[in-house]
Amino acid sequence: SGTTSTTFPTQSIENFLKSMDLGFNARINAGLIFQKVAGPASRGHMELRNINPNDNPYVTFSYYQEPEDLNKCAEGLETVIKVINS
């Protein structure tokens, strides 16, 4: 279904924070919750610009073009809020 997931390993986060040069020894304890719409009804479009594999294609994502996708996303966020508040 064309799922894309991005994760940030702890080491990458630490390197990012060090690169910010905060001027003090900062330690951040945090967590991330990712929510996505599985099997979206909305469909985008991708078109190659040319035959050069190094050129980026033209992409139209069309996120939430179909109302049911937005409804699913809102339901997912409600679930995330319930988990956080539990």
C-alpha atoms as a PDB file:
ATOM      1  CA  SER A   1       0.000   0.000   0.000  1.00  0.00           C
ATOM      2  CA  GLY A   2       2.974   2.340  -0.424  1.00  0.00           C
ATOM      3  CA  THR A   3       3.767   2.830   3.255  1.00  0.00           C
ATOM      4  CA  THR A   4       6.717   5.035   4.131  1.00  0.00           C
ATOM      5  CA  SER A   5       8.194   5.008   7.617  1.00  0.00           C
ATOM      6  CA  THR A   6      10.921   7.215   9.024  1.00  0.00           C
ATOM      7  CA  THR A   7      12.718   6.380  12.253  1.00  0.00           C
ATOM      8  CA  PHE A   8      15.414   8.316  14.040  1.00  0.00           C
ATOM      9  CA  PRO A   9      17.909   6.097  15.878  1.00  0.00           C
ATOM     10  CA  THR A  10      19.000   7.374  19.285  1.00  0.00           C
ATOM     11  CA  GLN A  11      22.533   8.033  18.015  1.00  0.00           C
ATOM     12  CA  SER A  12      21.212  10.274  15.223  1.00  0.00           C
ATOM     13  CA  ILE A  13      19.156  12.300  17.700  1.00  0.00           C
ATOM     14  CA  GLU A  14      22.161  12.696  20.000  1.00  0.00           C
ATOM     15  CA  ASN A  15      24.334  13.846  17.083  1.00  0.00           C
ATOM     16  CA  PHE A  16      21.667  16.352  16.041  1.00  0.00           C
ATOM     17  CA  LEU A  17      21.435  17.796  19.558  1.00  0.00           C
ATOM     18  CA  LYS A  18      25.232  18.072  19.772  1.00  0.00           C
ATOM     19  CA  SER A  19      25.301  19.908  16.435  1.00  0.00           C
ATOM     20  CA  MET A  20      22.907  22.530  17.833  1.00  0.00           C
ATOM     21  CA  ASP A  21      25.669  23.714  20.221  1.00  0.00           C
ATOM     22  CA  LEU A  22      23.262  24.556  23.032  1.00  0.00           C
ATOM     23  CA  GLY A  23      26.092  25.683  25.301  1.00  0.00           C
ATOM     24  CA  PHE A  24      25.125  23.308  28.099  1.00  0.00           C
ATOM     25  CA  ASN A  25      24.864  19.585  28.647  1.00  0.00           C
ATOM     26  CA  ALA A  26      21.302  19.021  27.438  1.00  0.00           C
ATOM     27  CA  ARG A  27      19.608  15.689  27.882  1.00  0.00           C
ATOM     28  CA  ILE A  28      16.155  15.199  26.480  1.00  0.00           C
ATOM     29  CA  ASN A  29      13.977  12.254  27.414  1.00  0.00           C
ATOM     30  CA  ALA A  30      11.281  11.986  24.789  1.00  0.00           C
ATOM     31  CA  GLY A  31       9.151   9.512  22.946  1.00  0.00           C
ATOM     32  CA  LEU A  32       7.537   9.534  19.530  1.00  0.00           C
ATOM     33  CA  ILE A  33       4.212   8.089  18.464  1.00  0.00           C
ATOM     34  CA  PHE A  34       3.600   7.738  14.744  1.00  0.00           C
ATOM     35  CA  GLN A  35       0.109   7.396  13.331  1.00  0.00           C
ATOM     36  CA  LYS A  36      -0.741   6.748   9.694  1.00  0.00           C
ATOM     37  CA  VAL A  37      -3.727   5.961   7.525  1.00  0.00           C
ATOM     38  CA  ALA A  38      -3.403   2.358   6.341  1.00  0.00           C
ATOM     39  CA  GLY A  39      -4.679   1.782   2.820  1.00  0.00           C
ATOM     40  CA  PRO A  40      -5.655   5.370   1.995  1.00  0.00           C
ATOM     41  CA  ALA A  41      -8.443   5.993  -0.523  1.00  0.00           C
ATOM     42  CA  SER A  42      -6.705   9.159  -1.776  1.00  0.00           C
ATOM     43  CA  ARG A  43      -4.350   8.597  -4.668  1.00  0.00           C
ATOM     44  CA  GLY A  44      -1.508  10.744  -5.856  1.00  0.00           C
ATOM     45  CA  HIS A  45       0.390  10.828  -9.106  1.00  0.00           C
ATOM     46  CA  MET A  46       4.042  10.447 -10.045  1.00  0.00           C
ATOM     47  CA  GLU A  47       5.577  11.231 -13.406  1.00  0.00           C
ATOM     48  CA  LEU A  48       9.173  10.985 -14.561  1.00  0.00           C
ATOM     49  CA  ARG A  49      10.676  14.266 -15.763  1.00  0.00           C
ATOM     50  CA  ASN A  50      12.984  12.490 -18.203  1.00  0.00           C
ATOM     51  CA  ILE A  51      15.089   9.337 -18.496  1.00  0.00           C
ATOM     52  CA  ASN A  52      17.805  10.619 -16.123  1.00  0.00           C
ATOM     53  CA  PRO A  53      17.564   8.471 -12.951  1.00  0.00           C
ATOM     54  CA  ASN A  54      19.203  11.266 -10.916  1.00  0.00           C
ATOM     55  CA  ASP A  55      16.392  13.767 -11.598  1.00  0.00           C
ATOM     56  CA  ASN A  56      13.495  13.868  -9.163  1.00  0.00           C
ATOM     57  CA  PRO A  57      10.087  12.948 -10.559  1.00  0.00           C
ATOM     58  CA  TYR A  58       7.038  15.212 -10.505  1.00  0.00           C
ATOM     59  CA  VAL A  59       4.947  14.087  -7.540  1.00  0.00           C
ATOM     60  CA  THR A  60       1.438  15.067  -6.442  1.00  0.00           C
ATOM     61  CA  PHE A  61       0.657  13.425  -3.106  1.00  0.00           C
ATOM     62  CA  SER A  62      -3.053  14.350  -2.784  1.00  0.00           C
ATOM     63  CA  TYR A  63      -3.071  13.731   0.967  1.00  0.00           C
ATOM     64  CA  TYR A  64      -6.595  13.635   2.407  1.00  0.00           C
ATOM     65  CA  GLN A  65      -8.266  14.271  -0.951  1.00  0.00           C
ATOM     66  CA  GLU A  66     -10.854  11.676   0.063  1.00  0.00           C
ATOM     67  CA  PRO A  67     -12.829  12.615   3.213  1.00  0.00           C
ATOM     68  CA  GLU A  68     -12.648   9.067   4.592  1.00  0.00           C
ATOM     69  CA  ASP A  69      -8.842   9.406   4.882  1.00  0.00           C
ATOM     70  CA  LEU A  70      -9.183  12.517   7.024  1.00  0.00           C
ATOM     71  CA  ASN A  71     -11.784  10.749   9.179  1.00  0.00           C
ATOM     72  CA  LYS A  72      -9.456   7.754   9.652  1.00  0.00           C
ATOM     73  CA  CYS A  73      -6.621  10.106  10.598  1.00  0.00           C
ATOM     74  CA  ALA A  74      -8.799  11.917  13.145  1.00  0.00           C
ATOM     75  CA  GLU A  75      -9.853   8.578  14.673  1.00  0.00           C
ATOM     76  CA  GLY A  76      -6.198   7.548  14.879  1.00  0.00           C
ATOM     77  CA  LEU A  77      -5.271  10.776  16.643  1.00  0.00           C
ATOM     78  CA  GLU A  78      -8.093  10.214  19.135  1.00  0.00           C
ATOM     79  CA  THR A  79      -6.588   6.789  19.864  1.00  0.00           C
ATOM     80  CA  VAL A  80      -3.122   8.327  20.317  1.00  0.00           C
ATOM     81  CA  ILE A  81      -4.559  10.868  22.771  1.00  0.00           C
ATOM     82  CA  LYS A  82      -6.269   8.063  24.733  1.00  0.00           C
ATOM     83  CA  VAL A  83      -2.963   6.162  24.928  1.00  0.00           C
ATOM     84  CA  ILE A  84      -1.094   9.256  26.125  1.00  0.00           C
ATOM     85  CA  ASN A  85      -3.740   9.998  28.751  1.00  0.00           C
ATOM     86  CA  SER A  86      -3.868   6.407  30.029  1.00  0.00           C
END
